[in-house]
Amino acid sequence: MPYDTSLVPARLLTLATDTATALGPEWSVTGLLSTAILVHPFGLRIQLRLHADGLRISALTAMSSTPGNPDEIRATAPITEATGHKAAELIHTRVLPPLGQRDAHAALRLLSLPPA
């Protein structure tokens, strides 16, 4: 099943589009079932879902030496306060830093390899 936004609720799709706009022009929006997904060309994927307790923003990243066992990074905002700018702020403060740490871990692993 290809990614598309046909099953994403209109309110969530609007919020995801506003969030992508706030994050920058390189971000795009797609969807899978009722989940909106923000996609960056570098391969970052951040999920946005509406739950009873609010907007849930999550991403998976491998922070250990076993990339097959990813950790979920999650941030939640009350629905009444969910705007594109607030969601972008949550992504900047709670989701992107651990993803950057993952890249730093990968670079350190690469640097620790023996010379060829």
N, C-alpha and C. Protein backbone atom coordinates (compact mmCIF):
# COMPACT_ATOMS: atom_id res chain seq x y z
N MET A 1 0.85 -1.17 0.00
CA MET A 1 0.00 0.00 0.00
C MET A 1 0.90 1.24 0.00
N PRO A 2 0.79 2.06 -1.02
CA PRO A 2 1.63 3.26 -1.06
C PRO A 2 1.17 4.30 -0.04
N TYR A 3 2.08 5.16 0.31
CA TYR A 3 1.73 6.24 1.22
C TYR A 3 0.82 7.23 0.52
N ASP A 4 -0.23 7.65 1.18
CA ASP A 4 -1.08 8.73 0.68
C ASP A 4 -1.84 9.32 1.86
N THR A 5 -2.53 10.40 1.61
CA THR A 5 -3.20 11.11 2.69
C THR A 5 -4.71 10.95 2.64
N SER A 6 -5.21 10.00 1.86
CA SER A 6 -6.67 9.89 1.69
C SER A 6 -7.40 9.50 2.98
N LEU A 7 -6.76 8.77 3.89
CA LEU A 7 -7.42 8.35 5.13
C LEU A 7 -7.04 9.21 6.34
N VAL A 8 -6.17 10.18 6.14
CA VAL A 8 -5.76 11.06 7.24
C VAL A 8 -6.89 12.06 7.49
N PRO A 9 -7.36 12.20 8.74
CA PRO A 9 -8.42 13.17 9.03
C PRO A 9 -8.02 14.58 8.58
N ALA A 10 -9.00 15.34 8.08
CA ALA A 10 -8.73 16.67 7.53
C ALA A 10 -8.04 17.58 8.54
N ARG A 11 -8.48 17.54 9.79
CA ARG A 11 -7.87 18.40 10.83
C ARG A 11 -6.40 18.06 11.03
N LEU A 12 -6.08 16.76 11.05
CA LEU A 12 -4.70 16.33 11.22
C LEU A 12 -3.87 16.67 9.99
N LEU A 13 -4.44 16.51 8.81
CA LEU A 13 -3.72 16.83 7.58
C LEU A 13 -3.38 18.33 7.53
N THR A 14 -4.32 19.16 7.92
CA THR A 14 -4.07 20.61 7.97
C THR A 14 -2.97 20.92 8.97
N LEU A 15 -3.04 20.31 10.15
CA LEU A 15 -2.02 20.51 11.18
C LEU A 15 -0.65 20.04 10.69
N ALA A 16 -0.60 18.89 10.03
CA ALA A 16 0.66 18.37 9.51
C ALA A 16 1.24 19.29 8.44
N THR A 17 0.39 19.81 7.57
CA THR A 17 0.84 20.73 6.52
C THR A 17 1.38 22.01 7.14
N ASP A 18 0.68 22.55 8.13
CA ASP A 18 1.15 23.75 8.83
C ASP A 18 2.48 23.49 9.54
N THR A 19 2.62 22.30 10.12
CA THR A 19 3.86 21.93 10.81
C THR A 19 5.01 21.83 9.82
N ALA A 20 4.78 21.18 8.68
CA ALA A 20 5.82 21.07 7.66
C ALA A 20 6.24 22.45 7.16
N THR A 21 5.29 23.34 6.99
CA THR A 21 5.60 24.71 6.57
C THR A 21 6.45 25.41 7.62
N ALA A 22 6.12 25.22 8.89
CA ALA A 22 6.89 25.85 9.97
C ALA A 22 8.30 25.26 10.09
N LEU A 23 8.45 23.96 9.77
CA LEU A 23 9.76 23.32 9.86
C LEU A 23 10.68 23.76 8.73
N GLY A 24 10.12 24.03 7.56
CA GLY A 24 10.94 24.48 6.44
C GLY A 24 10.50 23.85 5.13
N PRO A 25 10.96 24.42 4.01
CA PRO A 25 10.50 23.98 2.69
C PRO A 25 10.92 22.57 2.30
N GLU A 26 11.92 22.02 2.97
CA GLU A 26 12.37 20.68 2.62
C GLU A 26 11.47 19.58 3.18
N TRP A 27 10.58 19.89 4.10
CA TRP A 27 9.68 18.90 4.69
C TRP A 27 8.43 18.74 3.84
N SER A 28 7.97 17.50 3.70
CA SER A 28 6.72 17.24 2.98
C SER A 28 5.82 16.38 3.86
N VAL A 29 4.56 16.25 3.45
CA VAL A 29 3.57 15.50 4.22
C VAL A 29 3.05 14.35 3.39
N THR A 30 3.00 13.19 3.99
CA THR A 30 2.35 12.03 3.39
C THR A 30 1.55 11.37 4.50
N GLY A 31 0.98 10.23 4.23
CA GLY A 31 0.19 9.58 5.26
C GLY A 31 0.14 8.07 5.08
N LEU A 32 -0.23 7.40 6.13
CA LEU A 32 -0.45 5.96 6.12
C LEU A 32 -1.62 5.70 7.05
N LEU A 33 -2.70 5.21 6.48
CA LEU A 33 -3.95 5.03 7.20
C LEU A 33 -4.35 6.37 7.82
N SER A 34 -4.54 6.45 9.14
CA SER A 34 -4.99 7.71 9.75
C SER A 34 -3.84 8.49 10.38
N THR A 35 -2.60 8.16 10.00
CA THR A 35 -1.42 8.83 10.54
C THR A 35 -0.82 9.75 9.49
N ALA A 36 -0.55 10.99 9.87
CA ALA A 36 0.18 11.90 8.99
C ALA A 36 1.67 11.71 9.25
N ILE A 37 2.46 11.74 8.19
CA ILE A 37 3.90 11.53 8.32
C ILE A 37 4.63 12.71 7.69
N LEU A 38 5.49 13.35 8.48
CA LEU A 38 6.36 14.40 7.96
C LEU A 38 7.63 13.74 7.46
N VAL A 39 8.04 14.06 6.25
CA VAL A 39 9.19 13.40 5.62
C VAL A 39 10.23 14.45 5.24
N HIS A 40 11.48 14.17 5.59
CA HIS A 40 12.60 15.03 5.20
C HIS A 40 13.42 14.26 4.16
N PRO A 41 14.01 14.95 3.18
CA PRO A 41 14.80 14.25 2.16
C PRO A 41 15.96 13.42 2.71
N PHE A 42 16.46 13.74 3.90
CA PHE A 42 17.55 12.95 4.49
C PHE A 42 17.07 11.62 5.06
N GLY A 43 15.77 11.36 5.00
CA GLY A 43 15.23 10.09 5.48
C GLY A 43 14.53 10.15 6.82
N LEU A 44 14.44 11.32 7.43
CA LEU A 44 13.72 11.44 8.70
C LEU A 44 12.23 11.32 8.45
N ARG A 45 11.56 10.55 9.28
CA ARG A 45 10.11 10.42 9.21
C ARG A 45 9.54 10.61 10.61
N ILE A 46 8.62 11.55 10.72
CA ILE A 46 8.01 11.87 12.01
C ILE A 46 6.51 11.70 11.88
N GLN A 47 5.92 10.91 12.76
CA GLN A 47 4.49 10.60 12.70
C GLN A 47 3.70 11.55 13.58
N LEU A 48 2.55 11.98 13.08
CA LEU A 48 1.61 12.80 13.85
C LEU A 48 0.29 12.05 13.92
N ARG A 49 -0.22 11.87 15.14
CA ARG A 49 -1.50 11.18 15.34
C ARG A 49 -2.33 11.95 16.34
N LEU A 50 -3.64 11.95 16.12
CA LEU A 50 -4.56 12.54 17.10
C LEU A 50 -5.06 11.43 18.01
N HIS A 51 -4.94 11.65 19.31
CA HIS A 51 -5.44 10.72 20.33
C HIS A 51 -6.35 11.49 21.26
N ALA A 52 -7.01 10.79 22.14
CA ALA A 52 -7.91 11.44 23.09
C ALA A 52 -7.16 12.43 23.97
N ASP A 53 -5.90 12.13 24.29
CA ASP A 53 -5.13 13.01 25.17
C ASP A 53 -4.44 14.15 24.41
N GLY A 54 -4.49 14.15 23.10
CA GLY A 54 -3.90 15.25 22.34
C GLY A 54 -3.20 14.78 21.09
N LEU A 55 -2.36 15.64 20.57
CA LEU A 55 -1.56 15.35 19.39
C LEU A 55 -0.33 14.58 19.84
N ARG A 56 -0.09 13.43 19.24
CA ARG A 56 1.09 12.64 19.57
C ARG A 56 2.06 12.70 18.39
N ILE A 57 3.28 13.11 18.68
CA ILE A 57 4.34 13.20 17.69
C ILE A 57 5.36 12.13 18.04
N SER A 58 5.73 11.29 17.09
CA SER A 58 6.69 10.24 17.41
C SER A 58 7.59 9.94 16.22
N ALA A 59 8.76 9.43 16.55
CA ALA A 59 9.73 8.98 15.55
C ALA A 59 10.49 7.82 16.16
N LEU A 60 11.00 6.95 15.31
CA LEU A 60 11.79 5.82 15.78
C LEU A 60 13.25 6.06 15.43
N THR A 61 14.13 5.75 16.35
CA THR A 61 15.56 5.87 16.08
C THR A 61 16.30 4.80 16.87
N ALA A 62 17.39 4.32 16.31
CA ALA A 62 18.22 3.34 17.01
C ALA A 62 19.33 4.10 17.73
N MET A 63 19.29 4.11 19.05
CA MET A 63 20.29 4.83 19.84
C MET A 63 21.37 3.91 20.39
N SER A 64 21.21 2.60 20.21
CA SER A 64 22.19 1.67 20.75
C SER A 64 23.03 1.12 19.60
N SER A 65 23.87 0.18 19.90
CA SER A 65 24.71 -0.42 18.86
C SER A 65 23.93 -1.45 18.04
N THR A 66 22.68 -1.69 18.40
CA THR A 66 21.85 -2.62 17.63
C THR A 66 20.74 -1.84 16.93
N PRO A 67 20.98 -1.39 15.69
CA PRO A 67 19.99 -0.58 14.99
C PRO A 67 18.66 -1.30 14.76
N GLY A 68 18.63 -2.61 14.87
CA GLY A 68 17.39 -3.35 14.67
C GLY A 68 16.42 -3.21 15.83
N ASN A 69 16.84 -2.57 16.91
CA ASN A 69 16.00 -2.39 18.08
C ASN A 69 15.80 -0.90 18.34
N PRO A 70 14.94 -0.23 17.54
CA PRO A 70 14.81 1.22 17.67
C PRO A 70 14.04 1.64 18.91
N ASP A 71 14.36 2.82 19.39
CA ASP A 71 13.65 3.45 20.50
C ASP A 71 12.66 4.45 19.92
N GLU A 72 11.50 4.58 20.56
CA GLU A 72 10.53 5.56 20.11
C GLU A 72 10.72 6.86 20.88
N ILE A 73 10.78 7.95 20.14
CA ILE A 73 10.84 9.28 20.73
C ILE A 73 9.44 9.83 20.61
N ARG A 74 8.87 10.30 21.71
CA ARG A 74 7.47 10.72 21.69
C ARG A 74 7.31 12.06 22.41
N ALA A 75 6.46 12.90 21.84
CA ALA A 75 6.07 14.17 22.46
C ALA A 75 4.57 14.31 22.28
N THR A 76 3.89 14.88 23.26
CA THR A 76 2.44 15.03 23.21
C THR A 76 2.06 16.47 23.53
N ALA A 77 1.08 16.98 22.81
CA ALA A 77 0.55 18.32 23.07
C ALA A 77 -0.96 18.22 23.17
N PRO A 78 -1.59 18.96 24.09
CA PRO A 78 -3.05 18.96 24.17
C PRO A 78 -3.66 19.42 22.84
N ILE A 79 -4.79 18.83 22.47
CA ILE A 79 -5.41 19.16 21.20
C ILE A 79 -5.76 20.64 21.12
N THR A 80 -6.18 21.24 22.23
CA THR A 80 -6.58 22.65 22.21
C THR A 80 -5.40 23.56 21.91
N GLU A 81 -4.18 23.10 22.17
CA GLU A 81 -2.99 23.91 21.93
C GLU A 81 -2.24 23.49 20.68
N ALA A 82 -2.77 22.55 19.92
CA ALA A 82 -2.05 22.02 18.77
C ALA A 82 -2.16 22.96 17.58
N THR A 83 -1.05 23.59 17.25
CA THR A 83 -0.94 24.40 16.04
C THR A 83 0.32 23.94 15.31
N GLY A 84 0.44 24.35 14.07
CA GLY A 84 1.62 23.97 13.31
C GLY A 84 2.91 24.46 13.94
N HIS A 85 2.89 25.70 14.46
CA HIS A 85 4.09 26.25 15.08
C HIS A 85 4.43 25.53 16.39
N LYS A 86 3.42 25.20 17.19
CA LYS A 86 3.69 24.48 18.45
C LYS A 86 4.19 23.07 18.17
N ALA A 87 3.61 22.41 17.16
CA ALA A 87 4.08 21.07 16.80
C ALA A 87 5.52 21.15 16.29
N ALA A 88 5.84 22.15 15.49
CA ALA A 88 7.21 22.32 15.00
C ALA A 88 8.17 22.57 16.16
N GLU A 89 7.73 23.34 17.14
CA GLU A 89 8.56 23.60 18.32
C GLU A 89 8.82 22.31 19.10
N LEU A 90 7.79 21.48 19.27
CA LEU A 90 7.97 20.18 19.94
C LEU A 90 8.95 19.31 19.16
N ILE A 91 8.83 19.32 17.85
CA ILE A 91 9.73 18.51 17.02
C ILE A 91 11.16 19.01 17.18
N HIS A 92 11.35 20.33 17.15
CA HIS A 92 12.70 20.90 17.30
C HIS A 92 13.30 20.61 18.66
N THR A 93 12.49 20.62 19.72
CA THR A 93 13.05 20.47 21.07
C THR A 93 13.07 19.04 21.59
N ARG A 94 12.12 18.18 21.15
CA ARG A 94 12.02 16.85 21.75
C ARG A 94 12.30 15.70 20.80
N VAL A 95 12.14 15.91 19.49
CA VAL A 95 12.28 14.80 18.54
C VAL A 95 13.60 14.88 17.78
N LEU A 96 13.94 16.02 17.23
CA LEU A 96 15.14 16.12 16.41
C LEU A 96 16.45 15.94 17.18
N PRO A 97 16.60 16.42 18.43
CA PRO A 97 17.88 16.19 19.12
C PRO A 97 18.26 14.72 19.25
N PRO A 98 17.37 13.80 19.65
CA PRO A 98 17.77 12.39 19.68
C PRO A 98 18.11 11.83 18.30
N LEU A 99 17.43 12.32 17.26
CA LEU A 99 17.77 11.87 15.91
C LEU A 99 19.17 12.33 15.54
N GLY A 100 19.55 13.53 15.95
CA GLY A 100 20.91 14.02 15.73
C GLY A 100 21.93 13.21 16.50
N GLN A 101 21.57 12.79 17.72
CA GLN A 101 22.45 11.93 18.50
C GLN A 101 22.67 10.60 17.79
N ARG A 102 21.62 10.09 17.17
CA ARG A 102 21.75 8.83 16.43
C ARG A 102 22.79 8.99 15.33
N ASP A 103 22.72 10.10 14.60
CA ASP A 103 23.68 10.34 13.53
C ASP A 103 25.09 10.48 14.09
N ALA A 104 25.23 11.12 15.24
CA ALA A 104 26.54 11.26 15.86
C ALA A 104 27.08 9.89 16.29
N HIS A 105 26.22 9.03 16.82
CA HIS A 105 26.64 7.68 17.20
C HIS A 105 27.12 6.91 15.97
N ALA A 106 26.39 7.03 14.87
CA ALA A 106 26.77 6.34 13.63
C ALA A 106 28.13 6.85 13.14
N ALA A 107 28.36 8.15 13.22
CA ALA A 107 29.63 8.71 12.78
C ALA A 107 30.77 8.22 13.66
N LEU A 108 30.55 8.14 14.98
CA LEU A 108 31.59 7.64 15.87
C LEU A 108 31.89 6.17 15.60
N ARG A 109 30.86 5.38 15.30
CA ARG A 109 31.09 3.97 14.96
C ARG A 109 31.93 3.88 13.69
N LEU A 110 31.63 4.73 12.72
CA LEU A 110 32.37 4.72 11.46
C LEU A 110 33.83 5.12 11.70
N LEU A 111 34.05 6.13 12.53
CA LEU A 111 35.42 6.57 12.82
C LEU A 111 36.21 5.54 13.61
N SER A 112 35.54 4.67 14.34
CA SER A 112 36.25 3.68 15.15
C SER A 112 36.61 2.42 14.36
N LEU A 113 36.19 2.35 13.10
CA LEU A 113 36.56 1.20 12.28
C LEU A 113 38.06 1.21 12.00
N PRO A 114 38.67 0.03 11.91
CA PRO A 114 40.11 0.01 11.60
C PRO A 114 40.35 0.51 10.17
N PRO A 115 41.52 1.09 9.92
CA PRO A 115 41.81 1.57 8.56
C PRO A 115 41.80 0.42 7.57
N ALA A 116 41.40 0.72 6.36
CA ALA A 116 41.32 -0.33 5.32
C ALA A 116 42.67 -0.66 4.76
